[in-house]
Amino acid sequence: MRCAIGSDDRGPLTDALLDELERRAIEVVRFGALGADGSEEWASIGRAVGAEVAQGRAGLGIVCCWTGTGISIAANKVRGVRAALCADAATADGARRWNDANVLALSLRATSPAVGREILAAFLAGTPSDDPADRRSIAAVE
């Protein structure tokens, strides 16, 4: 699997996420403060990660900014992206199961590295439900 990850700042949470992805042998493409230039702002990073996922170059994406809200909105502006801002593992699992989320959004301010690892594990383990009623509203949007 390939995962696109981007953040407008690098810190303990982003380092924990990168370590966990590496530990799981997941190929990573980096954007923003996690990439080579590190100069992009959150809206551009959210769109870039979203494009990687929407165009099939990455199976899943992860985006982080101070609150997680702005970058999730930016990612969701890319057609085909379903970014979910998650504060716990149960929400991440539900986002994958019931909403077929393909981009995980996290708050740099409110998410500890330990909780971030738990959320990431649940997001990676989650699979979309086979029950069409669970995703009926998503089909109506597309």
N, C-alpha and C. Protein backbone atom coordinates (compact mmCIF):
# COMPACT_ATOMS: atom_id res chain seq x y z
N MET A 1 0.84 -1.18 0.00
CA MET A 1 0.00 0.00 0.00
C MET A 1 0.88 1.24 0.00
N ARG A 2 0.37 2.29 -0.58
CA ARG A 2 1.06 3.57 -0.60
C ARG A 2 0.16 4.59 0.11
N CYS A 3 0.75 5.41 0.96
CA CYS A 3 0.01 6.40 1.74
C CYS A 3 0.61 7.78 1.50
N ALA A 4 -0.23 8.75 1.18
CA ALA A 4 0.19 10.14 1.07
C ALA A 4 -0.02 10.80 2.42
N ILE A 5 0.97 11.54 2.90
CA ILE A 5 0.85 12.20 4.19
C ILE A 5 1.38 13.62 4.07
N GLY A 6 0.65 14.56 4.66
CA GLY A 6 1.08 15.95 4.60
C GLY A 6 0.68 16.71 5.84
N SER A 7 1.50 17.68 6.20
CA SER A 7 1.25 18.52 7.36
C SER A 7 1.92 19.87 7.14
N ASP A 8 1.36 20.91 7.75
CA ASP A 8 1.99 22.22 7.64
C ASP A 8 3.02 22.46 8.73
N ASP A 9 3.18 21.48 9.62
CA ASP A 9 4.19 21.57 10.68
C ASP A 9 4.63 20.14 11.01
N ARG A 10 5.86 20.02 11.43
CA ARG A 10 6.37 18.71 11.82
C ARG A 10 6.60 18.71 13.32
N GLY A 11 6.23 17.61 13.97
CA GLY A 11 6.39 17.52 15.42
C GLY A 11 6.22 16.10 15.90
N PRO A 12 5.98 15.92 17.19
CA PRO A 12 5.87 14.58 17.76
C PRO A 12 4.79 13.72 17.10
N LEU A 13 3.62 14.30 16.80
CA LEU A 13 2.56 13.52 16.18
C LEU A 13 2.96 13.06 14.78
N THR A 14 3.44 13.96 13.95
CA THR A 14 3.79 13.57 12.58
C THR A 14 4.94 12.57 12.58
N ASP A 15 5.90 12.75 13.49
CA ASP A 15 7.01 11.79 13.56
C ASP A 15 6.51 10.41 13.98
N ALA A 16 5.55 10.37 14.92
CA ALA A 16 4.98 9.09 15.35
C ALA A 16 4.23 8.42 14.20
N LEU A 17 3.49 9.20 13.43
CA LEU A 17 2.76 8.64 12.28
C LEU A 17 3.73 8.09 11.24
N LEU A 18 4.77 8.85 10.94
CA LEU A 18 5.76 8.39 9.96
C LEU A 18 6.46 7.13 10.45
N ASP A 19 6.80 7.08 11.74
CA ASP A 19 7.43 5.88 12.31
C ASP A 19 6.51 4.67 12.19
N GLU A 20 5.23 4.88 12.48
CA GLU A 20 4.27 3.77 12.42
C GLU A 20 4.09 3.28 10.98
N LEU A 21 4.01 4.19 10.04
CA LEU A 21 3.88 3.79 8.64
C LEU A 21 5.12 3.02 8.19
N GLU A 22 6.29 3.48 8.60
CA GLU A 22 7.54 2.78 8.26
C GLU A 22 7.56 1.39 8.91
N ARG A 23 7.15 1.31 10.16
CA ARG A 23 7.13 0.03 10.88
C ARG A 23 6.23 -0.98 10.16
N ARG A 24 5.16 -0.48 9.56
CA ARG A 24 4.22 -1.34 8.84
C ARG A 24 4.63 -1.56 7.38
N ALA A 25 5.79 -1.04 7.00
CA ALA A 25 6.31 -1.18 5.64
C ALA A 25 5.37 -0.60 4.59
N ILE A 26 4.73 0.52 4.94
CA ILE A 26 3.85 1.22 4.01
C ILE A 26 4.67 2.29 3.30
N GLU A 27 4.63 2.27 1.99
CA GLU A 27 5.33 3.28 1.19
C GLU A 27 4.66 4.63 1.43
N VAL A 28 5.46 5.66 1.62
CA VAL A 28 4.95 6.98 1.98
C VAL A 28 5.40 8.02 0.97
N VAL A 29 4.47 8.89 0.56
CA VAL A 29 4.82 10.08 -0.21
C VAL A 29 4.46 11.27 0.69
N ARG A 30 5.41 12.19 0.85
CA ARG A 30 5.29 13.26 1.84
C ARG A 30 5.04 14.62 1.19
N PHE A 31 4.26 15.44 1.92
CA PHE A 31 3.95 16.79 1.46
C PHE A 31 4.11 17.79 2.60
N GLY A 32 4.31 19.04 2.23
CA GLY A 32 4.41 20.12 3.21
C GLY A 32 5.66 20.01 4.06
N ALA A 33 5.50 20.23 5.36
CA ALA A 33 6.63 20.20 6.29
C ALA A 33 7.28 18.83 6.37
N LEU A 34 6.61 17.81 5.88
CA LEU A 34 7.15 16.45 5.90
C LEU A 34 7.89 16.12 4.61
N GLY A 35 7.76 16.98 3.61
CA GLY A 35 8.37 16.74 2.31
C GLY A 35 9.71 17.43 2.16
N ALA A 36 10.21 17.43 0.94
CA ALA A 36 11.54 17.98 0.65
C ALA A 36 11.61 19.48 0.86
N ASP A 37 10.61 20.22 0.36
CA ASP A 37 10.70 21.68 0.47
C ASP A 37 10.09 22.22 1.75
N GLY A 38 9.04 21.57 2.24
CA GLY A 38 8.44 21.96 3.51
C GLY A 38 7.85 23.35 3.54
N SER A 39 7.59 23.94 2.38
CA SER A 39 7.19 25.34 2.35
C SER A 39 5.72 25.59 2.08
N GLU A 40 4.94 24.57 1.84
CA GLU A 40 3.54 24.76 1.46
C GLU A 40 2.66 25.09 2.66
N GLU A 41 1.56 25.77 2.39
CA GLU A 41 0.60 26.05 3.46
C GLU A 41 -0.48 24.99 3.47
N TRP A 42 -1.26 24.93 4.54
CA TRP A 42 -2.17 23.81 4.79
C TRP A 42 -3.16 23.55 3.66
N ALA A 43 -3.71 24.58 3.03
CA ALA A 43 -4.70 24.36 1.97
C ALA A 43 -4.08 23.62 0.78
N SER A 44 -2.89 24.02 0.39
CA SER A 44 -2.20 23.35 -0.72
C SER A 44 -1.83 21.92 -0.36
N ILE A 45 -1.43 21.71 0.87
CA ILE A 45 -1.06 20.36 1.32
C ILE A 45 -2.29 19.45 1.31
N GLY A 46 -3.40 19.94 1.80
CA GLY A 46 -4.63 19.15 1.80
C GLY A 46 -5.05 18.76 0.39
N ARG A 47 -4.97 19.72 -0.53
CA ARG A 47 -5.33 19.42 -1.93
C ARG A 47 -4.35 18.44 -2.55
N ALA A 48 -3.06 18.58 -2.25
CA ALA A 48 -2.04 17.69 -2.83
C ALA A 48 -2.22 16.25 -2.35
N VAL A 49 -2.44 16.06 -1.07
CA VAL A 49 -2.67 14.72 -0.54
C VAL A 49 -3.96 14.16 -1.14
N GLY A 50 -5.00 14.98 -1.18
CA GLY A 50 -6.26 14.56 -1.78
C GLY A 50 -6.10 14.11 -3.22
N ALA A 51 -5.31 14.84 -3.99
CA ALA A 51 -5.09 14.49 -5.40
C ALA A 51 -4.38 13.15 -5.53
N GLU A 52 -3.40 12.89 -4.66
CA GLU A 52 -2.70 11.60 -4.69
C GLU A 52 -3.69 10.45 -4.51
N VAL A 53 -4.61 10.61 -3.58
CA VAL A 53 -5.59 9.56 -3.30
C VAL A 53 -6.62 9.49 -4.42
N ALA A 54 -7.17 10.61 -4.81
CA ALA A 54 -8.23 10.63 -5.84
C ALA A 54 -7.74 10.10 -7.17
N GLN A 55 -6.47 10.33 -7.48
CA GLN A 55 -5.93 9.88 -8.76
C GLN A 55 -5.34 8.47 -8.69
N GLY A 56 -5.47 7.84 -7.53
CA GLY A 56 -5.05 6.46 -7.39
C GLY A 56 -3.56 6.24 -7.18
N ARG A 57 -2.81 7.30 -6.95
CA ARG A 57 -1.37 7.14 -6.70
C ARG A 57 -1.10 6.74 -5.25
N ALA A 58 -2.09 6.90 -4.39
CA ALA A 58 -2.01 6.47 -2.99
C ALA A 58 -3.34 5.84 -2.61
N GLY A 59 -3.29 4.77 -1.84
CA GLY A 59 -4.52 4.11 -1.40
C GLY A 59 -5.24 4.87 -0.32
N LEU A 60 -4.48 5.53 0.54
CA LEU A 60 -5.03 6.33 1.64
C LEU A 60 -4.18 7.57 1.83
N GLY A 61 -4.75 8.55 2.51
CA GLY A 61 -4.02 9.77 2.83
C GLY A 61 -4.16 10.13 4.29
N ILE A 62 -3.21 10.92 4.76
CA ILE A 62 -3.25 11.47 6.13
C ILE A 62 -2.88 12.94 6.02
N VAL A 63 -3.69 13.80 6.66
CA VAL A 63 -3.41 15.23 6.66
C VAL A 63 -3.47 15.76 8.09
N CYS A 64 -2.58 16.69 8.40
CA CYS A 64 -2.53 17.27 9.74
C CYS A 64 -2.33 18.79 9.65
N CYS A 65 -3.05 19.51 10.48
CA CYS A 65 -2.79 20.93 10.71
C CYS A 65 -3.15 21.20 12.17
N TRP A 66 -3.05 22.44 12.60
CA TRP A 66 -3.22 22.76 14.01
C TRP A 66 -4.51 22.18 14.58
N THR A 67 -5.65 22.43 13.91
CA THR A 67 -6.93 21.89 14.37
C THR A 67 -7.33 20.63 13.61
N GLY A 68 -6.79 20.43 12.42
CA GLY A 68 -7.20 19.34 11.56
C GLY A 68 -8.38 19.70 10.68
N THR A 69 -9.10 20.74 11.04
CA THR A 69 -10.31 21.12 10.32
C THR A 69 -10.00 21.72 8.96
N GLY A 70 -9.15 22.71 8.91
CA GLY A 70 -8.86 23.40 7.65
C GLY A 70 -8.30 22.47 6.59
N ILE A 71 -7.35 21.66 6.99
CA ILE A 71 -6.72 20.76 6.02
C ILE A 71 -7.68 19.66 5.57
N SER A 72 -8.61 19.26 6.44
CA SER A 72 -9.61 18.27 6.02
C SER A 72 -10.58 18.89 5.02
N ILE A 73 -10.94 20.14 5.22
CA ILE A 73 -11.81 20.83 4.27
C ILE A 73 -11.11 20.95 2.92
N ALA A 74 -9.83 21.32 2.94
CA ALA A 74 -9.07 21.45 1.69
C ALA A 74 -9.00 20.11 0.96
N ALA A 75 -8.73 19.04 1.69
CA ALA A 75 -8.66 17.71 1.06
C ALA A 75 -10.01 17.31 0.48
N ASN A 76 -11.09 17.63 1.19
CA ASN A 76 -12.43 17.26 0.74
C ASN A 76 -12.89 18.04 -0.49
N LYS A 77 -12.20 19.07 -0.85
CA LYS A 77 -12.54 19.81 -2.07
C LYS A 77 -12.10 19.06 -3.32
N VAL A 78 -11.28 18.04 -3.15
CA VAL A 78 -10.83 17.22 -4.29
C VAL A 78 -11.89 16.14 -4.52
N ARG A 79 -12.42 16.10 -5.74
CA ARG A 79 -13.46 15.12 -6.08
C ARG A 79 -12.94 13.70 -5.84
N GLY A 80 -13.73 12.91 -5.12
CA GLY A 80 -13.36 11.53 -4.82
C GLY A 80 -12.72 11.35 -3.46
N VAL A 81 -12.44 12.44 -2.78
CA VAL A 81 -11.84 12.36 -1.45
C VAL A 81 -12.93 12.42 -0.39
N ARG A 82 -12.77 11.58 0.62
CA ARG A 82 -13.65 11.57 1.77
C ARG A 82 -12.75 11.64 3.00
N ALA A 83 -12.38 12.86 3.38
CA ALA A 83 -11.50 13.07 4.53
C ALA A 83 -12.33 13.16 5.80
N ALA A 84 -11.85 12.48 6.84
CA ALA A 84 -12.54 12.46 8.12
C ALA A 84 -11.60 12.94 9.21
N LEU A 85 -12.02 13.96 9.94
CA LEU A 85 -11.28 14.45 11.09
C LEU A 85 -11.62 13.56 12.27
N CYS A 86 -10.63 12.86 12.79
CA CYS A 86 -10.86 11.86 13.85
C CYS A 86 -10.06 12.21 15.10
N ALA A 87 -10.72 12.09 16.25
CA ALA A 87 -10.06 12.36 17.53
C ALA A 87 -9.84 11.10 18.35
N ASP A 88 -10.35 9.96 17.85
CA ASP A 88 -10.17 8.71 18.57
C ASP A 88 -10.27 7.55 17.59
N ALA A 89 -9.86 6.38 18.05
CA ALA A 89 -9.82 5.19 17.20
C ALA A 89 -11.21 4.74 16.77
N ALA A 90 -12.20 4.86 17.64
CA ALA A 90 -13.56 4.43 17.28
C ALA A 90 -14.10 5.28 16.14
N THR A 91 -13.83 6.57 16.17
CA THR A 91 -14.28 7.45 15.09
C THR A 91 -13.57 7.10 13.79
N ALA A 92 -12.28 6.80 13.85
CA ALA A 92 -11.53 6.42 12.65
C ALA A 92 -12.07 5.13 12.05
N ASP A 93 -12.38 4.16 12.90
CA ASP A 93 -12.96 2.91 12.42
C ASP A 93 -14.31 3.16 11.77
N GLY A 94 -15.15 3.95 12.41
CA GLY A 94 -16.46 4.27 11.85
C GLY A 94 -16.37 5.04 10.55
N ALA A 95 -15.40 5.94 10.46
CA ALA A 95 -15.23 6.71 9.23
C ALA A 95 -14.89 5.81 8.06
N ARG A 96 -14.05 4.81 8.31
CA ARG A 96 -13.72 3.84 7.24
C ARG A 96 -14.92 2.95 6.94
N ARG A 97 -15.58 2.45 7.98
CA ARG A 97 -16.66 1.48 7.82
C ARG A 97 -17.90 2.11 7.19
N TRP A 98 -18.39 3.20 7.76
CA TRP A 98 -19.68 3.74 7.35
C TRP A 98 -19.57 4.84 6.31
N ASN A 99 -18.41 5.50 6.23
CA ASN A 99 -18.27 6.61 5.30
C ASN A 99 -17.26 6.34 4.20
N ASP A 100 -16.61 5.18 4.23
CA ASP A 100 -15.60 4.83 3.24
C ASP A 100 -14.55 5.94 3.13
N ALA A 101 -14.16 6.51 4.29
CA ALA A 101 -13.17 7.58 4.31
C ALA A 101 -11.86 7.08 3.73
N ASN A 102 -11.23 7.91 2.92
CA ASN A 102 -9.94 7.53 2.32
C ASN A 102 -8.81 8.48 2.72
N VAL A 103 -9.12 9.51 3.49
CA VAL A 103 -8.11 10.42 4.03
C VAL A 103 -8.42 10.65 5.51
N LEU A 104 -7.42 10.45 6.34
CA LEU A 104 -7.52 10.67 7.77
C LEU A 104 -6.98 12.06 8.09
N ALA A 105 -7.76 12.86 8.80
CA ALA A 105 -7.31 14.19 9.23
C ALA A 105 -7.13 14.18 10.75
N LEU A 106 -6.03 14.79 11.19
CA LEU A 106 -5.72 14.83 12.62
C LEU A 106 -5.32 16.24 13.04
N SER A 107 -5.61 16.57 14.29
CA SER A 107 -5.22 17.85 14.88
C SER A 107 -3.83 17.74 15.51
N LEU A 108 -2.92 18.59 15.08
CA LEU A 108 -1.59 18.63 15.69
C LEU A 108 -1.68 19.10 17.15
N ARG A 109 -2.64 19.97 17.44
CA ARG A 109 -2.79 20.53 18.78
C ARG A 109 -3.39 19.53 19.76
N ALA A 110 -4.38 18.77 19.32
CA ALA A 110 -5.17 17.97 20.26
C ALA A 110 -4.85 16.47 20.25
N THR A 111 -3.98 16.02 19.37
CA THR A 111 -3.71 14.58 19.25
C THR A 111 -2.31 14.25 19.73
N SER A 112 -2.22 13.45 20.77
CA SER A 112 -0.91 13.03 21.26
C SER A 112 -0.35 11.96 20.32
N PRO A 113 0.96 11.76 20.32
CA PRO A 113 1.52 10.69 19.49
C PRO A 113 0.92 9.32 19.79
N ALA A 114 0.69 9.00 21.06
CA ALA A 114 0.12 7.69 21.41
C ALA A 114 -1.29 7.53 20.86
N VAL A 115 -2.11 8.55 21.02
CA VAL A 115 -3.48 8.49 20.49
C VAL A 115 -3.44 8.51 18.96
N GLY A 116 -2.53 9.25 18.39
CA GLY A 116 -2.38 9.28 16.93
C GLY A 116 -2.07 7.90 16.37
N ARG A 117 -1.22 7.16 17.05
CA ARG A 117 -0.92 5.79 16.61
C ARG A 117 -2.16 4.90 16.68
N GLU A 118 -2.94 5.04 17.74
CA GLU A 118 -4.18 4.26 17.88
C GLU A 118 -5.16 4.60 16.77
N ILE A 119 -5.31 5.89 16.49
CA ILE A 119 -6.23 6.33 15.43
C ILE A 119 -5.76 5.79 14.09
N LEU A 120 -4.47 5.91 13.82
CA LEU A 120 -3.92 5.42 12.56
C LEU A 120 -4.13 3.91 12.42
N ALA A 121 -3.89 3.17 13.48
CA ALA A 121 -4.08 1.71 13.43
C ALA A 121 -5.53 1.36 13.09
N ALA A 122 -6.47 2.05 13.72
CA ALA A 122 -7.89 1.79 13.45
C ALA A 122 -8.24 2.17 12.02
N PHE A 123 -7.71 3.27 11.53
CA PHE A 123 -8.00 3.72 10.17
C PHE A 123 -7.44 2.73 9.14
N LEU A 124 -6.22 2.27 9.38
CA LEU A 124 -5.61 1.31 8.46
C LEU A 124 -6.31 -0.04 8.49
N ALA A 125 -6.79 -0.45 9.65
CA ALA A 125 -7.46 -1.74 9.78
C ALA A 125 -8.89 -1.71 9.29
N GLY A 126 -9.49 -0.54 9.27
CA GLY A 126 -10.89 -0.42 8.89
C GLY A 126 -11.13 -0.70 7.42
N THR A 127 -12.29 -1.24 7.14
CA THR A 127 -12.69 -1.50 5.75
C THR A 127 -14.12 -1.01 5.57
N PRO A 128 -14.44 -0.57 4.37
CA PRO A 128 -15.81 -0.11 4.11
C PRO A 128 -16.82 -1.24 4.29
N SER A 129 -17.96 -0.91 4.84
CA SER A 129 -19.03 -1.87 5.04
C SER A 129 -19.55 -2.38 3.71
N ASP A 130 -19.97 -3.63 3.68
CA ASP A 130 -20.60 -4.20 2.49
C ASP A 130 -22.08 -3.87 2.42
N ASP A 131 -22.62 -3.31 3.49
CA ASP A 131 -24.04 -2.98 3.54
C ASP A 131 -24.28 -1.67 2.78
N PRO A 132 -25.01 -1.71 1.65
CA PRO A 132 -25.23 -0.50 0.85
C PRO A 132 -25.93 0.61 1.64
N ALA A 133 -26.72 0.27 2.62
CA ALA A 133 -27.41 1.29 3.42
C ALA A 133 -26.42 2.14 4.21
N ASP A 134 -25.25 1.57 4.53
CA ASP A 134 -24.25 2.32 5.28
C ASP A 134 -23.65 3.45 4.46
N ARG A 135 -23.67 3.31 3.13
CA ARG A 135 -23.01 4.32 2.29
C ARG A 135 -23.98 4.99 1.32
N ARG A 136 -25.25 4.86 1.55
CA ARG A 136 -26.25 5.41 0.65
C ARG A 136 -26.05 6.92 0.45
N SER A 137 -25.77 7.66 1.50
CA SER A 137 -25.64 9.12 1.36
C SER A 137 -24.41 9.50 0.56
N ILE A 138 -23.36 8.71 0.60
CA ILE A 138 -22.15 9.02 -0.18
C ILE A 138 -22.45 8.87 -1.67
N ALA A 139 -23.14 7.83 -2.05
CA ALA A 139 -23.47 7.61 -3.45
C ALA A 139 -24.30 8.77 -4.00
N ALA A 140 -25.16 9.36 -3.17
CA ALA A 140 -26.00 10.46 -3.62
C ALA A 140 -25.21 11.72 -3.89
N VAL A 141 -24.07 11.89 -3.23
CA VAL A 141 -23.24 13.08 -3.39
C VAL A 141 -22.43 13.01 -4.66
N GLU A 142 -21.95 11.83 -5.01
CA GLU A 142 -21.04 11.70 -6.15
C GLU A 142 -21.73 11.73 -7.47
